[in-house]
PDB file of N, CA and C in Angstrom:
ATOM      1  N   MET A   1       0.686  -1.205  -0.004  1.00  0.00           N
ATOM      2  CA  MET A   1      -0.165  -0.138   0.132  1.00  0.00           C
ATOM      3  C   MET A   1       0.648   1.070  -0.124  1.00  0.00           C
ATOM      4  N   ILE A   2       0.904   2.204  -1.263  1.00  0.00           N
ATOM      5  CA  ILE A   2       1.445   3.142  -1.348  1.00  0.00           C
ATOM      6  C   ILE A   2       0.311   4.399  -0.444  1.00  0.00           C
ATOM      7  N   LEU A   3       1.137   4.404   0.430  1.00  0.00           N
ATOM      8  CA  LEU A   3       0.677   6.215   2.030  1.00  0.00           C
ATOM      9  C   LEU A   3       1.109   7.270   1.168  1.00  0.00           C
ATOM     10  N   LYS A   4       0.120   8.571   1.267  1.00  0.00           N
ATOM     11  CA  LYS A   4       0.032   9.898   0.829  1.00  0.00           C
ATOM     12  C   LYS A   4       0.090  10.723   1.979  1.00  0.00           C
ATOM     13  N   HIS A   5       0.176  11.639   1.954  1.00  0.00           N
ATOM     14  CA  HIS A   5      -0.096  12.464   3.074  1.00  0.00           C
ATOM     15  C   HIS A   5      -1.238  13.028   3.285  1.00  0.00           C
ATOM     16  N   CYS A   6      -2.088  12.947   2.254  1.00  0.00           N
ATOM     17  CA  CYS A   6      -3.360  12.759   2.213  1.00  0.00           C
ATOM     18  C   CYS A   6      -3.677  11.690   3.594  1.00  0.00           C
ATOM     19  N   ASP A   7      -3.255  10.674   4.018  1.00  0.00           N
ATOM     20  CA  ASP A   7      -3.302   9.426   4.691  1.00  0.00           C
ATOM     21  C   ASP A   7      -2.940   9.974   6.217  1.00  0.00           C
ATOM     22  N   CYS A   8      -2.327  10.772   6.821  1.00  0.00           N
ATOM     23  CA  CYS A   8      -1.560  11.092   7.503  1.00  0.00           C
ATOM     24  C   CYS A   8      -2.975  11.999   8.916  1.00  0.00           C
ATOM     25  N   VAL A   9      -2.698  11.669   9.780  1.00  0.00           N
ATOM     26  CA  VAL A   9      -4.013  12.651  10.509  1.00  0.00           C
ATOM     27  C   VAL A   9      -3.783  13.808  10.959  1.00  0.00           C
ATOM     28  N   HIS A  10      -2.084  14.139  10.231  1.00  0.00           N
ATOM     29  CA  HIS A  10      -2.046  16.227  10.327  1.00  0.00           C
ATOM     30  C   HIS A  10      -2.787  15.838   8.841  1.00  0.00           C
ATOM     31  N   PHE A  11      -3.197  15.634   8.372  1.00  0.00           N
ATOM     32  CA  PHE A  11      -3.575  16.556   7.096  1.00  0.00           C
ATOM     33  C   PHE A  11      -4.654  16.958   7.443  1.00  0.00           C
ATOM     34  N   LEU A  12      -4.912  18.472   6.639  1.00  0.00           N
ATOM     35  CA  LEU A  12      -6.563  18.589   6.970  1.00  0.00           C
ATOM     36  C   LEU A  12      -6.453  19.167   4.916  1.00  0.00           C
ATOM     37  N   ASN A  13      -7.700  18.749   4.963  1.00  0.00           N
ATOM     38  CA  ASN A  13      -8.318  18.960   3.607  1.00  0.00           C
ATOM     39  C   ASN A  13      -8.579  20.635   3.335  1.00  0.00           C
ATOM     40  N   LEU A  14      -8.618  21.252   2.341  1.00  0.00           N
ATOM     41  CA  LEU A  14      -8.589  22.251   2.173  1.00  0.00           C
ATOM     42  C   LEU A  14     -10.116  22.306   0.874  1.00  0.00           C
ATOM     43  N   ASP A  15     -10.002  21.310   0.179  1.00  0.00           N
ATOM     44  CA  ASP A  15     -10.506  21.150  -1.043  1.00  0.00           C
ATOM     45  C   ASP A  15     -10.539  19.825  -1.763  1.00  0.00           C
ATOM     46  N   CYS A  16     -11.438  19.713  -2.843  1.00  0.00           N
ATOM     47  CA  CYS A  16     -10.774  18.555  -3.633  1.00  0.00           C
ATOM     48  C   CYS A  16      -9.373  18.206  -4.505  1.00  0.00           C
ATOM     49  N   GLU A  17      -8.300  19.371  -4.233  1.00  0.00           N
ATOM     50  CA  GLU A  17      -7.260  19.003  -4.795  1.00  0.00           C
ATOM     51  C   GLU A  17      -5.868  19.302  -3.410  1.00  0.00           C
ATOM     52  N   LYS A  18      -6.254  20.169  -2.284  1.00  0.00           N
ATOM     53  CA  LYS A  18      -5.243  20.256  -2.137  1.00  0.00           C
ATOM     54  C   LYS A  18      -5.879  19.888  -0.186  1.00  0.00           C
ATOM     55  N   GLY A  19      -4.711  20.103   0.248  1.00  0.00           N
ATOM     56  CA  GLY A  19      -4.727  20.285   2.067  1.00  0.00           C
ATOM     57  C   GLY A  19      -3.391  21.275   2.694  1.00  0.00           C
ATOM     58  N   MET A  20      -3.489  20.995   3.665  1.00  0.00           N
ATOM     59  CA  MET A  20      -1.940  21.419   4.633  1.00  0.00           C
ATOM     60  C   MET A  20      -1.929  20.490   5.839  1.00  0.00           C
ATOM     61  N   CYS A  21      -0.717  20.553   6.031  1.00  0.00           N
ATOM     62  CA  CYS A  21       0.142  19.669   6.781  1.00  0.00           C
ATOM     63  C   CYS A  21      -0.085  21.080   8.383  1.00  0.00           C
ATOM     64  N   ALA A  22      -1.029  20.535   8.630  1.00  0.00           N
ATOM     65  CA  ALA A  22      -1.176  20.751  10.437  1.00  0.00           C
ATOM     66  C   ALA A  22       0.456  21.031  11.376  1.00  0.00           C
ATOM     67  N   ILE A  23       0.897  20.508  11.498  1.00  0.00           N
ATOM     68  CA  ILE A  23       1.855  20.698  11.602  1.00  0.00           C
ATOM     69  C   ILE A  23       3.324  21.422  10.955  1.00  0.00           C
ATOM     70  N   ARG A  24       3.666  21.367  10.160  1.00  0.00           N
ATOM     71  CA  ARG A  24       5.005  22.129   9.166  1.00  0.00           C
ATOM     72  C   ARG A  24       4.155  23.027   8.406  1.00  0.00           C
ATOM     73  N   LYS A  25       2.484  23.014   8.657  1.00  0.00           N
ATOM     74  CA  LYS A  25       1.809  24.594   7.671  1.00  0.00           C
ATOM     75  C   LYS A  25       2.035  24.878   6.461  1.00  0.00           C
ATOM     76  N   GLU A  26       2.044  23.395   5.809  1.00  0.00           N
ATOM     77  CA  GLU A  26       2.799  23.558   4.059  1.00  0.00           C
ATOM     78  C   GLU A  26       1.287  23.460   3.180  1.00  0.00           C
ATOM     79  N   MET A  27       1.528  24.057   2.128  1.00  0.00           N
ATOM     80  CA  MET A  27       0.006  23.542   1.221  1.00  0.00           C
ATOM     81  C   MET A  27       0.870  21.942   0.587  1.00  0.00           C
ATOM     82  N   ILE A  28      -0.311  21.403   0.326  1.00  0.00           N
ATOM     83  CA  ILE A  28      -0.299  19.972  -0.032  1.00  0.00           C
ATOM     84  C   ILE A  28      -0.683  19.289  -1.342  1.00  0.00           C
ATOM     85  N   MET A  29      -0.157  19.445  -2.262  1.00  0.00           N
ATOM     86  CA  MET A  29      -1.494  18.700  -3.344  1.00  0.00           C
ATOM     87  C   MET A  29      -1.859  16.886  -3.041  1.00  0.00           C
ATOM     88  N   ILE A  30      -2.708  16.716  -3.298  1.00  0.00           N
ATOM     89  CA  ILE A  30      -3.463  15.139  -2.880  1.00  0.00           C
ATOM     90  C   ILE A  30      -2.899  14.339  -3.437  1.00  0.00           C
ATOM     91  N   ASP A  31      -2.757  14.816  -5.118  1.00  0.00           N
ATOM     92  CA  ASP A  31      -2.259  13.598  -5.671  1.00  0.00           C
ATOM     93  C   ASP A  31      -0.870  14.004  -6.950  1.00  0.00           C
ATOM     94  N   GLY A  32      -0.399  14.850  -6.199  1.00  0.00           N
ATOM     95  CA  GLY A  32       0.851  15.418  -6.796  1.00  0.00           C
ATOM     96  C   GLY A  32       2.112  14.787  -6.224  1.00  0.00           C
ATOM     97  N   SER A  33       3.402  15.437  -6.976  1.00  0.00           N
ATOM     98  CA  SER A  33       4.590  14.929  -6.656  1.00  0.00           C
ATOM     99  C   SER A  33       5.102  15.134  -5.337  1.00  0.00           C
ATOM    100  N   GLU A  34       4.251  16.036  -4.535  1.00  0.00           N
ATOM    101  CA  GLU A  34       4.642  15.852  -3.123  1.00  0.00           C
ATOM    102  C   GLU A  34       3.662  14.868  -2.180  1.00  0.00           C
ATOM    103  N   SER A  35       2.599  14.006  -3.120  1.00  0.00           N
ATOM    104  CA  SER A  35       2.282  13.246  -2.454  1.00  0.00           C
ATOM    105  C   SER A  35       3.401  11.778  -0.822  1.00  0.00           C
ATOM    106  N   GLY A  36       3.695  11.851  -1.332  1.00  0.00           N
ATOM    107  CA  GLY A  36       4.561  10.494  -0.377  1.00  0.00           C
ATOM    108  C   GLY A  36       4.346  11.064   1.056  1.00  0.00           C
ATOM    109  N   VAL A  37       4.790  10.416   2.008  1.00  0.00           N
ATOM    110  CA  VAL A  37       4.922  11.303   3.696  1.00  0.00           C
ATOM    111  C   VAL A  37       6.797  11.737   4.308  1.00  0.00           C
ATOM    112  N   CYS A  38       5.964  12.309   5.514  1.00  0.00           N
ATOM    113  CA  CYS A  38       7.101  12.536   5.810  1.00  0.00           C
ATOM    114  C   CYS A  38       7.757  12.036   7.032  1.00  0.00           C
ATOM    115  N   GLU A  39       8.561  12.038   7.726  1.00  0.00           N
ATOM    116  CA  GLU A  39       8.554  11.726   8.722  1.00  0.00           C
ATOM    117  C   GLU A  39       7.693  12.193   9.786  1.00  0.00           C
ATOM    118  N   MET A  40       7.246  12.821  10.284  1.00  0.00           N
ATOM    119  CA  MET A  40       5.972  12.785  11.376  1.00  0.00           C
ATOM    120  C   MET A  40       4.420  12.465  10.802  1.00  0.00           C
ATOM    121  N   PHE A  41       4.672  11.731   9.541  1.00  0.00           N
ATOM    122  CA  PHE A  41       3.621  10.577   9.501  1.00  0.00           C
ATOM    123  C   PHE A  41       2.933  10.126  10.284  1.00  0.00           C
ATOM    124  N   GLU A  42       1.607  10.243  10.512  1.00  0.00           N
ATOM    125  CA  GLU A  42       0.765   9.020  11.579  1.00  0.00           C
ATOM    126  C   GLU A  42      -0.797   8.885  10.671  1.00  0.00           C
ATOM    127  N   ALA A  43      -0.565   7.049  10.539  1.00  0.00           N
ATOM    128  CA  ALA A  43      -1.766   7.022   9.451  1.00  0.00           C
ATOM    129  C   ALA A  43      -3.219   7.388  10.684  1.00  0.00           C
ATOM    130  N   ALA A  44      -3.828   8.202   9.609  1.00  0.00           N
ATOM    131  CA  ALA A  44      -4.866   8.360  10.350  1.00  0.00           C
ATOM    132  C   ALA A  44      -6.131   7.004   9.969  1.00  0.00           C
ATOM    133  N   LYS A  45      -6.727   7.428  10.635  1.00  0.00           N
ATOM    134  CA  LYS A  45      -7.777   6.029  10.727  1.00  0.00           C
ATOM    135  C   LYS A  45      -9.093   5.504   9.717  1.00  0.00           C
ATOM    136  N   PHE A  46      -8.486   5.163   8.630  1.00  0.00           N
ATOM    137  CA  PHE A  46      -9.411   4.873   7.686  1.00  0.00           C
ATOM    138  C   PHE A  46      -9.735   3.484   7.866  1.00  0.00           C
ATOM    139  N   CYS A  47     -10.971   2.715   7.244  1.00  0.00           N
ATOM    140  CA  CYS A  47     -11.379   1.994   7.056  1.00  0.00           C
ATOM    141  C   CYS A  47     -10.235   0.990   6.060  1.00  0.00           C
ATOM    142  N   SER A  48      -9.680   1.986   5.077  1.00  0.00           N
ATOM    143  CA  SER A  48      -8.294   1.055   4.462  1.00  0.00           C
ATOM    144  C   SER A  48      -7.155   0.434   5.284  1.00  0.00           C
ATOM    145  N   ASN A  49      -7.009   0.901   6.221  1.00  0.00           N
ATOM    146  CA  ASN A  49      -5.667   0.811   7.324  1.00  0.00           C
ATOM    147  C   ASN A  49      -6.294  -0.161   8.735  1.00  0.00           C
ATOM    148  N   CYS A  50      -7.818  -0.327   8.324  1.00  0.00           N
ATOM    149  CA  CYS A  50      -7.889  -1.340   9.169  1.00  0.00           C
ATOM    150  C   CYS A  50      -7.938  -2.891   8.970  1.00  0.00           C
ATOM    151  N   ILE A  51      -7.342  -3.453   9.439  1.00  0.00           N
ATOM    152  CA  ILE A  51      -7.341  -5.556   9.895  1.00  0.00           C
ATOM    153  C   ILE A  51      -9.136  -5.758   9.666  1.00  0.00           C
ATOM    154  N   ASN A  52      -9.346  -5.546   9.939  1.00  0.00           N
ATOM    155  CA  ASN A  52     -11.591  -5.660   9.571  1.00  0.00           C
ATOM    156  C   ASN A  52     -11.731  -5.331   7.718  1.00  0.00           C
ATOM    157  N   PHE A  53     -11.206  -4.962   6.978  1.00  0.00           N
ATOM    158  CA  PHE A  53     -11.271  -4.765   5.976  1.00  0.00           C
ATOM    159  C   PHE A  53     -10.578  -4.889   4.744  1.00  0.00           C
ATOM    160  N   SER A  54     -11.127  -5.474   3.792  1.00  0.00           N
ATOM    161  CA  SER A  54     -10.866  -6.490   2.964  1.00  0.00           C
ATOM    162  C   SER A  54     -11.882  -6.610   1.668  1.00  0.00           C
ATOM    163  N   GLU A  55     -10.783  -7.078   0.512  1.00  0.00           N
ATOM    164  CA  GLU A  55     -11.450  -6.715  -0.604  1.00  0.00           C
ATOM    165  C   GLU A  55     -12.279  -5.985  -1.638  1.00  0.00           C
ATOM    166  N   PRO A  56     -11.924  -4.801  -1.594  1.00  0.00           N
ATOM    167  CA  PRO A  56     -11.289  -3.489  -2.180  1.00  0.00           C
ATOM    168  C   PRO A  56     -11.565  -3.769  -3.815  1.00  0.00           C
ATOM    169  N   ASP A  57     -12.442  -3.516  -3.903  1.00  0.00           N
ATOM    170  CA  ASP A  57     -12.397  -3.331  -5.778  1.00  0.00           C
ATOM    171  C   ASP A  57     -12.293  -2.144  -6.361  1.00  0.00           C
ATOM    172  N   LYS A  58     -11.843  -1.776  -7.661  1.00  0.00           N
ATOM    173  CA  LYS A  58     -11.361  -0.736  -7.753  1.00  0.00           C
ATOM    174  C   LYS A  58     -11.854   0.463  -7.635  1.00  0.00           C
ATOM    175  N   TYR A  59     -12.962   0.664  -6.975  1.00  0.00           N
ATOM    176  CA  TYR A  59     -13.254   1.805  -6.402  1.00  0.00           C
ATOM    177  C   TYR A  59     -13.027   1.820  -5.268  1.00  0.00           C
ATOM    178  N   GLY A  60     -12.382   1.309  -4.026  1.00  0.00           N
ATOM    179  CA  GLY A  60     -12.142   1.236  -2.839  1.00  0.00           C
ATOM    180  C   GLY A  60     -13.468   0.252  -1.866  1.00  0.00           C
ATOM    181  N   ILE A  61     -14.243   0.269  -2.848  1.00  0.00           N
ATOM    182  CA  ILE A  61     -15.577  -0.382  -1.722  1.00  0.00           C
ATOM    183  C   ILE A  61     -14.556  -1.836  -1.324  1.00  0.00           C
ATOM    184  N   GLY A  62     -15.025  -1.922  -0.275  1.00  0.00           N
ATOM    185  CA  GLY A  62     -14.845  -3.374   0.025  1.00  0.00           C
ATOM    186  C   GLY A  62     -15.661  -3.786   1.574  1.00  0.00           C
ATOM    187  N   VAL A  63     -15.148  -4.717   2.153  1.00  0.00           N
ATOM    188  CA  VAL A  63     -16.139  -5.111   3.033  1.00  0.00           C
ATOM    189  C   VAL A  63     -15.533  -5.623   4.511  1.00  0.00           C
ATOM    190  N   CYS A  64     -16.349  -4.852   5.480  1.00  0.00           N
ATOM    191  CA  CYS A  64     -15.885  -4.901   6.812  1.00  0.00           C
ATOM    192  C   CYS A  64     -16.589  -6.385   7.779  1.00  0.00           C
ATOM    193  N   ARG A  65     -15.038  -6.376   8.035  1.00  0.00           N
ATOM    194  CA  ARG A  65     -15.379  -7.945   8.881  1.00  0.00           C
ATOM    195  C   ARG A  65     -15.147  -7.909  10.386  1.00  0.00           C
ATOM    196  N   GLY A  66     -15.311  -6.125  10.650  1.00  0.00           N
ATOM    197  CA  GLY A  66     -15.343  -6.221  12.977  1.00  0.00           C
ATOM    198  C   GLY A  66     -16.269  -6.751  12.789  1.00  0.00           C
ATOM    199  N   PHE A  67     -17.014  -6.568  13.121  1.00  0.00           N
ATOM    200  CA  PHE A  67     -19.063  -6.650  13.449  1.00  0.00           C
ATOM    201  C   PHE A  67     -19.406  -8.504  13.057  1.00  0.00           C
ATOM    202  N   GLU A  68     -20.227  -8.456  13.871  1.00  0.00           N
ATOM    203  CA  GLU A  68     -21.260  -9.633  13.511  1.00  0.00           C
ATOM    204  C   GLU A  68     -21.531  -9.885  12.379  1.00  0.00           C
ATOM    205  N   LYS A  69     -22.121  -9.002  11.800  1.00  0.00           N
ATOM    206  CA  LYS A  69     -22.690  -8.928  10.723  1.00  0.00           C
ATOM    207  C   LYS A  69     -21.426  -8.163   9.753  1.00  0.00           C
ATOM    208  N   GLU A  70     -21.277  -8.585   8.566  1.00  0.00           N
ATOM    209  CA  GLU A  70     -20.570  -8.450   7.207  1.00  0.00           C
ATOM    210  C   GLU A  70     -21.239  -6.866   6.898  1.00  0.00           C
ATOM    211  N   ASN A  71     -20.334  -6.341   6.425  1.00  0.00           N
ATOM    212  CA  ASN A  71     -21.193  -4.946   5.651  1.00  0.00           C
ATOM    213  C   ASN A  71     -20.005  -4.583   4.457  1.00  0.00           C
ATOM    214  N   TRP A  72     -20.761  -3.829   3.715  1.00  0.00           N
ATOM    215  CA  TRP A  72     -19.812  -2.807   2.663  1.00  0.00           C
ATOM    216  C   TRP A  72     -19.224  -1.977   3.005  1.00  0.00           C
ATOM    217  N   ALA A  73     -17.987  -1.186   2.907  1.00  0.00           N
ATOM    218  CA  ALA A  73     -17.494  -0.019   3.233  1.00  0.00           C
ATOM    219  C   ALA A  73     -16.804   0.469   2.482  1.00  0.00           C
ATOM    220  N   TYR A  74     -16.549   1.743   2.611  1.00  0.00           N
ATOM    221  CA  TYR A  74     -15.675   2.793   1.562  1.00  0.00           C
ATOM    222  C   TYR A  74     -14.270   2.449   2.092  1.00  0.00           C
ATOM    223  N   ALA A  75     -13.369   2.133   1.605  1.00  0.00           N
ATOM    224  CA  ALA A  75     -11.894   2.570   1.978  1.00  0.00           C
ATOM    225  C   ALA A  75     -11.172   3.417   2.976  1.00  0.00           C
ATOM    226  N   THR A  76     -11.889   4.833   2.002  1.00  0.00           N
ATOM    227  CA  THR A  76     -11.634   6.232   2.604  1.00  0.00           C
ATOM    228  C   THR A  76     -12.547   6.673   3.556  1.00  0.00           C
ATOM    229  N   CYS A  77     -13.433   5.903   3.859  1.00  0.00           N
ATOM    230  CA  CYS A  77     -14.286   6.163   5.082  1.00  0.00           C
ATOM    231  C   CYS A  77     -13.614   6.390   6.164  1.00  0.00           C
ATOM    232  N   GLY A  78     -13.465   7.277   7.476  1.00  0.00           N
ATOM    233  CA  GLY A  78     -13.222   7.912   8.386  1.00  0.00           C
ATOM    234  C   GLY A  78     -13.572   6.608   9.391  1.00  0.00           C
ATOM    235  N   ALA A  79     -12.849   6.237  10.224  1.00  0.00           N
ATOM    236  CA  ALA A  79     -13.243   5.426  11.101  1.00  0.00           C
ATOM    237  C   ALA A  79     -12.307   5.619  12.267  1.00  0.00           C
ATOM    238  N   PHE A  80     -13.065   6.846  12.679  1.00  0.00           N
ATOM    239  CA  PHE A  80     -12.301   7.492  14.537  1.00  0.00           C
ATOM    240  C   PHE A  80     -12.936   7.216  14.914  1.00  0.00           C
ATOM    241  N   GLY A  81     -14.287   7.156  14.682  1.00  0.00           N
ATOM    242  CA  GLY A  81     -15.211   6.386  15.766  1.00  0.00           C
ATOM    243  C   GLY A  81     -15.409   4.699  15.943  1.00  0.00           C
ATOM    244  N   CYS A  82     -14.831   4.168  15.031  1.00  0.00           N
ATOM    245  CA  CYS A  82     -15.315   3.116  14.709  1.00  0.00           C
ATOM    246  C   CYS A  82     -14.555   2.290  16.302  1.00  0.00           C
ATOM    247  N   GLU A  83     -15.618   0.945  17.034  1.00  0.00           N
ATOM    248  CA  GLU A  83     -15.265   0.720  18.392  1.00  0.00           C
ATOM    249  C   GLU A  83     -14.327  -0.642  17.848  1.00  0.00           C
ATOM    250  N   LYS A  84     -14.623  -1.095  16.484  1.00  0.00           N
ATOM    251  CA  LYS A  84     -13.587  -2.137  16.020  1.00  0.00           C
ATOM    252  C   LYS A  84     -12.490  -1.501  15.358  1.00  0.00           C
ATOM    253  N   TYR A  85     -12.128  -0.735  14.868  1.00  0.00           N
ATOM    254  CA  TYR A  85     -11.040  -0.183  13.665  1.00  0.00           C
ATOM    255  C   TYR A  85     -10.003  -0.800  14.902  1.00  0.00           C
ATOM    256  N   GLN A  86      -8.954  -1.500  14.120  1.00  0.00           N
ATOM    257  CA  GLN A  86      -7.555  -1.850  14.726  1.00  0.00           C
ATOM    258  C   GLN A  86      -6.670  -1.883  13.055  1.00  0.00           C
ATOM    259  N   SER A  87      -5.875  -0.761  13.382  1.00  0.00           N
ATOM    260  CA  SER A  87      -4.554  -0.879  12.819  1.00  0.00           C
ATOM    261  C   SER A  87      -4.065  -2.134  12.272  1.00  0.00           C
ATOM    262  N   LYS A  88      -3.547  -1.822  10.529  1.00  0.00           N
ATOM    263  CA  LYS A  88      -3.037  -2.814  10.200  1.00  0.00           C
ATOM    264  C   LYS A  88      -1.463  -2.454   9.874  1.00  0.00           C
ATOM    265  N   LEU A  89      -1.313  -1.034  10.320  1.00  0.00           N
ATOM    266  CA  LEU A  89       0.009  -0.745   9.894  1.00  0.00           C
ATOM    267  C   LEU A  89       0.957  -0.326  10.951  1.00  0.00           C
ATOM    268  N   ARG A  90       0.734  -1.172  11.528  1.00  0.00           N
ATOM    269  CA  ARG A  90       1.940  -1.108  12.795  1.00  0.00           C
ATOM    270  C   ARG A  90       3.092  -1.310  12.842  1.00  0.00           C
TER     271      ARG A  90
END
């Protein structure tokens, strides 16, 4: 999995093309050449970063297996309040 600045907990979305690093106070293009991660990177809680998320299709829609009933989930869905979230990026 290739991580980008927009996958970081410190990334603040400004619009559909760019955001800002809350620590460095720098503008970052989401899909641009600067999209790699820096030494301050901390993975945000997205379904795609959870061990319970699997089988994503080409649109990023996969299956959440963290609950009693399996259901579909978006890879980019924020899992900040999910009681079953477990990071797979440790």
